[in-house]
Amino acid sequence: MDQKILGRRIKFFRERAHLSQLELETSIDASAGMISRIEKGRVNPTKETVGKIAEILHLHNMETDYLIGNTAEPPTQAEIDKAKNAVKDYFSKGDVFAYLSDDRWRVNAVSKGFYNLFKSYVDDPDKAVDNLIGTSIVNILLEEEYQILQFFKKENYKELLKYQLVKFHSGMGFMHDDMIYKQSMSSIERDPLARSIWEQIKEDKSIPNKETREIFFTIKGINIGFNYSKEQLYANPRFYLIEYQPKNKYLRIILKLLNAH
């Protein structure tokens, strides 16, 4: 990684911890001026030094990984292609409602079930789905061009948005210099509801960060509950299989509605 980028990230975490450069230097037994040189990108610290800094700043595993681990840079196209290939067969099933996401919260692939859902609503489903690929989930939820809002009633959309922003905050809220994070934050700041929820999340650390819950989609005017689940991809833990599973009694109704187009 570029040492200037590493320096900026260390500075962000240090300031978040309300420590001065001198206090951090003293804590890790570094020479005077060392932290300043690191933060300005003039010195490339060893992994041992970064590890000490992470410990003093109380960084959790994802934050440390963002400094010196696998997530320091976004997934490569080769990694994305390999992950897509791993879910290809499963995603080809018409009763699977899922998408593949990476650690930058981008949609990498969409299942046939979701494709059929778009097909029942838009004139050009191929274009609609293609627009989602490589785009942050936050942007997809907030920007009208992605045509997602039509699948939710107002009250259900607000609940989903809050849930996704809580997850986004915990998973990417520390990636302040990441381009995808910046794009997502731009969408949040332009949207009054999202901005309000985001401020609440930052202030209230007690908001639950659940992994599985029920989410309601509106399909052909019918409000249908799905169980939301998130599973790390075995082939590459930087990717996640996000799946929406309807209760058995709803599946036949959903497929009938989608095929009625």
Protein backbone atom coordinates (compact mmCIF):
# COMPACT_ATOMS: atom_id res chain seq x y z
CA MET A 1 0.00 0.00 0.00
CA ASP A 2 1.07 3.58 -0.68
CA GLN A 3 2.60 4.85 2.58
CA LYS A 4 0.77 8.18 2.21
CA ILE A 5 -2.56 6.35 2.26
CA LEU A 6 -1.48 4.33 5.29
CA GLY A 7 -0.40 7.55 7.00
CA ARG A 8 -3.79 9.20 6.39
CA ARG A 9 -5.59 6.19 7.80
CA ILE A 10 -3.45 6.08 10.93
CA LYS A 11 -4.07 9.80 11.43
CA PHE A 12 -7.84 9.27 11.15
CA PHE A 13 -7.83 6.50 13.77
CA ARG A 14 -5.51 8.47 16.08
CA GLU A 15 -7.72 11.55 15.97
CA ARG A 16 -10.80 9.41 16.48
CA ALA A 17 -9.17 8.09 19.66
CA HIS A 18 -8.43 11.68 20.79
CA LEU A 19 -4.70 11.03 21.13
CA SER A 20 -1.97 13.49 20.21
CA GLN A 21 0.99 12.37 18.13
CA LEU A 22 3.19 12.63 21.21
CA GLU A 23 0.81 10.52 23.29
CA LEU A 24 0.76 7.81 20.64
CA GLU A 25 4.55 7.88 20.29
CA THR A 26 4.96 7.52 24.04
CA SER A 27 2.47 4.65 24.16
CA ILE A 28 4.30 2.61 21.52
CA ASP A 29 7.77 3.69 22.67
CA ALA A 30 8.56 5.39 19.35
CA SER A 31 11.10 8.14 18.74
CA ALA A 32 10.01 11.78 18.76
CA GLY A 33 8.41 12.86 15.49
CA MET A 34 7.90 9.29 14.25
CA ILE A 35 4.08 9.48 14.14
CA SER A 36 4.21 12.80 12.32
CA ARG A 37 6.50 11.30 9.67
CA ILE A 38 4.28 8.23 9.33
CA GLU A 39 1.11 10.29 8.95
CA LYS A 40 2.73 12.50 6.32
CA GLY A 41 3.80 9.44 4.35
CA ARG A 42 7.50 10.07 4.81
CA VAL A 43 8.11 6.80 6.65
CA ASN A 44 6.70 3.37 5.92
CA PRO A 45 6.15 1.73 9.33
CA THR A 46 6.78 -1.96 9.91
CA LYS A 47 3.87 -4.34 10.48
CA GLU A 48 4.99 -4.60 14.09
CA THR A 49 4.72 -0.83 14.52
CA VAL A 50 1.30 -0.73 12.87
CA GLY A 51 0.22 -3.59 15.13
CA LYS A 52 1.27 -1.62 18.21
CA ILE A 53 -0.57 1.45 16.94
CA ALA A 54 -3.71 -0.61 16.30
CA GLU A 55 -3.56 -2.03 19.81
CA ILE A 56 -3.17 1.38 21.47
CA LEU A 57 -5.98 2.86 19.36
CA HIS A 58 -8.22 -0.13 20.20
CA LEU A 59 -8.91 -0.97 16.57
CA HIS A 60 -11.09 -4.01 15.93
CA ASN A 61 -10.08 -6.68 13.42
CA MET A 62 -11.77 -5.08 10.41
CA GLU A 63 -10.10 -1.74 11.09
CA THR A 64 -6.67 -3.32 11.49
CA ASP A 65 -7.24 -5.29 8.29
CA TYR A 66 -8.03 -2.02 6.54
CA LEU A 67 -4.62 -0.71 7.58
CA ILE A 68 -2.37 -3.62 6.68
CA GLY A 69 -4.55 -6.59 5.71
CA ASN A 70 -6.57 -7.96 2.80
CA THR A 71 -9.14 -5.16 2.83
CA ALA A 72 -6.60 -2.34 2.54
CA GLU A 73 -7.52 -2.20 -1.16
CA PRO A 74 -10.86 -3.05 -2.84
CA PRO A 75 -11.18 -6.56 -4.32
CA THR A 76 -9.53 -7.01 -7.71
CA GLN A 77 -11.53 -7.92 -10.80
CA ALA A 78 -9.98 -11.40 -10.65
CA GLU A 79 -11.28 -11.83 -7.09
CA ILE A 80 -14.73 -10.60 -8.13
CA ASP A 81 -14.86 -12.97 -11.10
CA LYS A 82 -13.86 -15.92 -8.92
CA ALA A 83 -16.54 -15.06 -6.35
CA LYS A 84 -19.20 -14.70 -9.07
CA ASN A 85 -18.25 -18.08 -10.47
CA ALA A 86 -18.65 -19.63 -7.01
CA VAL A 87 -22.33 -18.60 -6.82
CA LYS A 88 -23.16 -18.91 -10.52
CA ASP A 89 -25.09 -22.19 -10.32
CA TYR A 90 -27.02 -21.19 -7.21
CA PHE A 91 -27.91 -17.79 -8.65
CA SER A 92 -29.31 -19.42 -11.81
CA LYS A 93 -32.32 -20.73 -9.87
CA GLY A 94 -35.54 -18.79 -10.34
CA ASP A 95 -36.63 -19.21 -6.73
CA VAL A 96 -33.43 -17.71 -5.30
CA PHE A 97 -33.62 -14.02 -4.32
CA ALA A 98 -30.03 -13.05 -3.58
CA TYR A 99 -27.08 -10.90 -4.55
CA LEU A 100 -23.33 -11.09 -4.11
CA SER A 101 -21.66 -8.23 -2.24
CA ASP A 102 -18.04 -7.43 -1.44
CA ASP A 103 -16.41 -5.75 1.56
CA ARG A 104 -16.95 -2.36 -0.12
CA TRP A 105 -20.71 -2.95 -0.11
CA ARG A 106 -20.89 -3.19 -3.90
CA VAL A 107 -23.30 -5.50 -5.67
CA ASN A 108 -21.26 -7.96 -7.76
CA ALA A 109 -23.96 -10.34 -9.03
CA VAL A 110 -27.74 -10.74 -8.88
CA SER A 111 -29.73 -13.99 -8.83
CA LYS A 112 -32.32 -15.01 -11.40
CA GLY A 113 -35.10 -14.54 -8.86
CA PHE A 114 -34.21 -10.87 -8.43
CA TYR A 115 -33.80 -10.51 -12.19
CA ASN A 116 -37.36 -11.82 -12.65
CA LEU A 117 -38.54 -9.34 -10.06
CA PHE A 118 -37.09 -6.49 -12.13
CA LYS A 119 -38.51 -8.03 -15.30
CA SER A 120 -42.01 -7.69 -13.91
CA TYR A 121 -41.54 -3.96 -13.24
CA VAL A 122 -39.22 -2.38 -15.82
CA ASP A 123 -39.07 -2.29 -19.62
CA ASP A 124 -35.38 -3.20 -19.81
CA PRO A 125 -34.50 -5.58 -16.94
CA ASP A 126 -31.04 -6.31 -18.37
CA LYS A 127 -30.13 -2.63 -18.17
CA ALA A 128 -31.69 -2.26 -14.73
CA VAL A 129 -29.69 -5.15 -13.31
CA ASP A 130 -26.48 -4.10 -15.11
CA ASN A 131 -26.79 -0.69 -13.45
CA LEU A 132 -26.65 -2.37 -10.04
CA ILE A 133 -23.39 -4.21 -10.69
CA GLY A 134 -20.40 -2.48 -9.13
CA THR A 135 -22.64 -0.01 -7.29
CA SER A 136 -22.77 0.49 -3.53
CA ILE A 137 -25.89 -0.85 -1.82
CA VAL A 138 -26.28 2.53 -0.14
CA ASN A 139 -26.36 4.31 -3.50
CA ILE A 140 -28.82 1.75 -4.86
CA LEU A 141 -31.20 2.36 -1.96
CA LEU A 142 -30.98 6.14 -2.15
CA GLU A 143 -30.75 6.99 -5.85
CA GLU A 144 -33.96 6.82 -7.93
CA GLU A 145 -32.10 5.75 -11.09
CA TYR A 146 -31.69 2.24 -9.67
CA GLN A 147 -35.49 1.76 -9.48
CA ILE A 148 -35.48 0.02 -6.10
CA LEU A 149 -37.97 2.21 -4.23
CA GLN A 150 -40.94 0.73 -6.07
CA PHE A 151 -40.40 -2.57 -4.23
CA PHE A 152 -41.10 -1.13 -0.79
CA LYS A 153 -43.92 0.61 1.02
CA LYS A 154 -42.82 3.81 2.71
CA GLU A 155 -42.73 2.42 6.25
CA ASN A 156 -40.91 -0.74 5.16
CA TYR A 157 -38.36 1.24 3.17
CA LYS A 158 -37.50 3.40 6.18
CA GLU A 159 -36.94 0.32 8.32
CA LEU A 160 -34.77 -1.32 5.66
CA LEU A 161 -32.74 1.85 5.13
CA LYS A 162 -32.07 2.18 8.85
CA TYR A 163 -30.96 -1.43 9.06
CA GLN A 164 -28.65 -1.14 6.06
CA LEU A 165 -27.10 2.09 7.30
CA VAL A 166 -26.38 0.50 10.69
CA LYS A 167 -24.59 -2.33 8.88
CA PHE A 168 -22.79 0.12 6.59
CA HIS A 169 -21.60 2.15 9.58
CA SER A 170 -20.15 -0.90 11.31
CA GLY A 171 -18.64 -2.38 8.15
CA MET A 172 -17.34 0.73 6.35
CA GLY A 173 -17.75 3.67 8.71
CA PHE A 174 -13.99 3.75 9.31
CA MET A 175 -13.03 3.77 5.60
CA HIS A 176 -13.07 7.55 5.30
CA ASP A 177 -10.53 7.76 2.49
CA ASP A 178 -12.09 4.99 0.38
CA MET A 179 -13.67 6.19 -2.88
CA ILE A 180 -16.69 3.88 -2.57
CA TYR A 181 -17.29 5.08 0.98
CA LYS A 182 -17.14 8.69 -0.21
CA GLN A 183 -19.67 7.99 -2.98
CA SER A 184 -22.01 6.35 -0.49
CA MET A 185 -21.67 9.23 1.96
CA SER A 186 -22.45 11.70 -0.82
CA SER A 187 -25.78 9.94 -1.38
CA ILE A 188 -26.49 9.86 2.36
CA GLU A 189 -25.78 13.57 2.75
CA ARG A 190 -28.12 14.48 -0.13
CA ASP A 191 -31.02 12.48 1.28
CA PRO A 192 -32.76 14.06 4.32
CA LEU A 193 -34.06 10.76 5.72
CA ALA A 194 -30.75 8.95 5.30
CA ARG A 195 -28.83 11.88 6.75
CA SER A 196 -31.08 11.94 9.81
CA ILE A 197 -30.71 8.19 10.35
CA TRP A 198 -26.94 8.41 9.89
CA GLU A 199 -26.59 11.11 12.54
CA GLN A 200 -28.68 9.01 14.92
CA ILE A 201 -26.47 5.97 14.30
CA LYS A 202 -23.30 7.95 15.00
CA GLU A 203 -24.70 9.30 18.26
CA ASP A 204 -26.51 6.19 19.53
CA LYS A 205 -24.08 3.26 19.82
CA SER A 206 -26.84 1.06 21.30
CA ILE A 207 -28.67 0.61 17.98
CA PRO A 208 -28.69 -3.16 17.38
CA ASN A 209 -26.49 -4.58 14.64
CA LYS A 210 -28.47 -7.72 13.75
CA GLU A 211 -27.40 -10.20 11.11
CA THR A 212 -30.80 -11.71 10.30
CA ARG A 213 -34.24 -10.16 10.26
CA GLU A 214 -37.47 -9.95 8.31
CA ILE A 215 -37.81 -7.46 5.47
CA PHE A 216 -40.97 -6.74 3.48
CA PHE A 217 -41.05 -6.34 -0.29
CA THR A 218 -44.08 -5.09 -2.18
CA ILE A 219 -44.66 -7.31 -5.20
CA LYS A 220 -47.61 -6.54 -7.46
CA GLY A 221 -49.17 -4.59 -4.61
CA ILE A 222 -48.81 -7.42 -2.08
CA ASN A 223 -46.62 -6.92 0.99
CA ILE A 224 -44.52 -10.09 1.42
CA GLY A 225 -42.09 -10.86 4.21
CA PHE A 226 -38.61 -12.21 3.53
CA ASN A 227 -36.01 -13.45 5.99
CA TYR A 228 -32.77 -11.59 5.34
CA SER A 229 -29.49 -13.46 5.83
CA LYS A 230 -25.83 -12.66 5.21
CA GLU A 231 -23.25 -15.40 4.73
CA GLN A 232 -19.53 -15.06 4.08
CA LEU A 233 -18.46 -16.75 0.88
CA TYR A 234 -16.30 -19.80 1.56
CA ALA A 235 -14.29 -19.22 -1.63
CA ASN A 236 -13.29 -15.72 -0.48
CA PRO A 237 -14.32 -14.19 2.89
CA ARG A 238 -14.21 -10.71 1.34
CA PHE A 239 -17.51 -11.52 -0.35
CA TYR A 240 -20.97 -12.10 1.07
CA LEU A 241 -24.05 -13.93 -0.13
CA ILE A 242 -27.03 -11.76 0.77
CA GLU A 243 -30.24 -13.74 0.49
CA TYR A 244 -33.90 -12.93 1.00
CA GLN A 245 -35.85 -16.11 1.72
CA PRO A 246 -39.65 -15.92 1.63
CA LYS A 247 -41.56 -18.08 4.05
CA ASN A 248 -42.72 -21.24 2.30
CA LYS A 249 -46.32 -20.10 2.14
CA TYR A 250 -45.26 -17.03 0.14
CA LEU A 251 -42.99 -18.65 -2.44
CA ARG A 252 -45.72 -19.99 -4.71
CA ILE A 253 -47.51 -16.62 -4.59
CA ILE A 254 -44.31 -14.76 -5.50
CA LEU A 255 -43.47 -16.98 -8.44
CA LYS A 256 -47.04 -16.76 -9.73
CA LEU A 257 -46.96 -12.96 -9.51
CA LEU A 258 -43.62 -12.75 -11.32
CA ASN A 259 -44.73 -15.09 -14.09
CA ALA A 260 -47.93 -13.11 -14.60
CA HIS A 261 -46.01 -10.33 -16.38
